[in-house]
Every structure is written in C-alpha cells, then in structure tokens.
Amino acid sequence: MRQLLSVSSQLGPWIKAARREAGLSQEQLASRLGISQSRISHMELHPGTLSVEQLLSIFSVLGLEIMIGPKPSGAPPGLALAAREPAPPEW
C-alpha cells in the first residue's frame, strides 16, 4: 500500500488500515510496542499527538517505511500529488 500524507489527520485512518491489513488488533499492536491498547486507540483517533519516534516504531512493527522526496515542480502544494495517489480508505 502506498499513500501520500499531507496532513496529520490522514495518518490515523492510514495506521488503522495498515494495522488491519497486517491482521493485528489494537491490543496486538500495543503488545508488540509495549504500550496500552488505549494508547493505540488514541493514536489512531488523534495522530497529531504522535512523535516521530512513535510513528517510526509503529511503522517498524507494521513493516512500513517513510519515503521523503520533492513535490513535482509547478504543482499547487498538495494538489498534484493528491491527484496521483489513491484516496485513503474511509473508515
């Protein structure tokens, strides 16, 4: 699954979808991270509270990585990339 993230509110549904795709419940993911299930729920509902370290830990457990690169030139910020990438699943 590839996904463009341009605002933090997109991250929660994306983490939830990736967790489910990996076949993990919130409790199972929490156990692997050494945190509570309620913290996973909070992270999915309020992804702006995640630190980079926490995000990388979640991605590591889910077998994901972050790639960073320049936006295409001449495109309005956020619009050109969003048009090329599929929309996140709605939950």
Protein backbone atom coordinates (compact mmCIF):
# COMPACT_ATOMS: atom_id res chain seq x y z
CA MET A 1 0.00 0.00 0.00
CA ARG A 2 1.36 3.43 -0.95
CA GLN A 3 -0.19 6.57 0.41
CA LEU A 4 0.53 10.27 0.25
CA LEU A 5 0.19 12.03 3.57
CA SER A 6 -0.09 15.79 3.52
CA VAL A 7 -1.86 16.49 6.85
CA SER A 8 -1.66 14.66 10.17
CA SER A 9 -5.40 13.88 10.21
CA GLN A 10 -4.84 11.46 7.31
CA LEU A 11 -2.39 9.43 9.36
CA GLY A 12 -4.85 7.91 11.85
CA PRO A 13 -7.06 6.15 9.29
CA TRP A 14 -3.97 5.07 7.41
CA ILE A 15 -2.38 3.49 10.51
CA LYS A 16 -5.66 1.75 11.26
CA ALA A 17 -5.89 0.38 7.71
CA ALA A 18 -2.26 -0.80 7.77
CA ARG A 19 -2.79 -2.45 11.16
CA ARG A 20 -5.85 -4.28 9.90
CA GLU A 21 -4.06 -5.26 6.67
CA ALA A 22 -1.32 -6.77 8.86
CA GLY A 23 -4.03 -8.74 10.68
CA LEU A 24 -3.40 -7.06 14.02
CA SER A 25 -5.88 -5.83 16.59
CA GLN A 26 -5.16 -2.69 18.56
CA GLU A 27 -4.30 -4.91 21.52
CA GLN A 28 -1.83 -6.99 19.48
CA LEU A 29 -0.10 -3.91 18.07
CA ALA A 30 0.04 -2.36 21.54
CA SER A 31 1.60 -5.52 22.96
CA ARG A 32 4.32 -5.50 20.29
CA LEU A 33 5.06 -1.84 21.04
CA GLY A 34 4.95 -2.28 24.82
CA ILE A 35 2.12 0.22 25.29
CA SER A 36 -1.58 0.04 26.16
CA GLN A 37 -4.42 -0.67 23.74
CA SER A 38 -5.99 2.64 24.75
CA ARG A 39 -2.84 4.47 23.59
CA ILE A 40 -3.14 2.82 20.16
CA SER A 41 -6.76 3.91 20.01
CA HIS A 42 -5.75 7.46 20.96
CA MET A 43 -3.01 7.50 18.31
CA GLU A 44 -5.43 6.36 15.60
CA LEU A 45 -8.02 8.95 16.63
CA HIS A 46 -5.54 11.78 17.31
CA PRO A 47 -2.49 11.17 15.10
CA GLY A 48 -1.21 14.70 15.66
CA THR A 49 -0.10 13.55 19.13
CA LEU A 50 2.42 11.06 17.70
CA SER A 51 6.12 11.78 17.94
CA VAL A 52 8.38 10.84 15.06
CA GLU A 53 9.89 8.13 17.27
CA GLN A 54 6.45 6.66 17.99
CA LEU A 55 5.47 6.79 14.32
CA LEU A 56 8.66 5.02 13.28
CA SER A 57 8.09 2.34 15.94
CA ILE A 58 4.56 1.72 14.67
CA PHE A 59 5.78 1.58 11.09
CA SER A 60 8.53 -0.85 12.05
CA VAL A 61 6.04 -3.27 13.62
CA LEU A 62 3.74 -2.94 10.59
CA GLY A 63 6.62 -3.45 8.13
CA LEU A 64 6.29 0.05 6.68
CA GLU A 65 8.75 2.81 5.87
CA ILE A 66 8.65 6.54 5.20
CA MET A 67 9.98 7.97 1.95
CA ILE A 68 10.60 11.69 1.55
CA GLY A 69 11.09 13.48 -1.75
CA PRO A 70 10.43 16.74 -3.52
CA LYS A 71 6.98 17.69 -4.77
CA PRO A 72 6.60 17.94 -8.55
CA SER A 73 7.53 21.41 -9.75
CA GLY A 74 4.81 23.74 -10.98
CA ALA A 75 2.08 21.99 -9.00
CA PRO A 76 -0.01 23.71 -6.35
CA PRO A 77 1.09 22.48 -2.91
CA GLY A 78 -0.60 19.20 -2.04
CA LEU A 79 -2.91 19.07 -5.05
CA ALA A 80 -0.83 17.45 -7.76
CA LEU A 81 0.42 14.63 -5.57
CA ALA A 82 -3.01 14.03 -4.09
CA ALA A 83 -4.45 13.68 -7.58
CA ARG A 84 -1.89 11.00 -8.48
CA GLU A 85 -2.29 8.92 -5.34
CA PRO A 86 -5.40 6.95 -4.39
CA ALA A 87 -7.56 8.40 -1.65
CA PRO A 88 -7.19 6.84 1.81
CA PRO A 89 -9.84 4.30 2.74
CA GLU A 90 -12.77 5.72 4.68
CA TRP A 91 -13.46 4.02 7.98
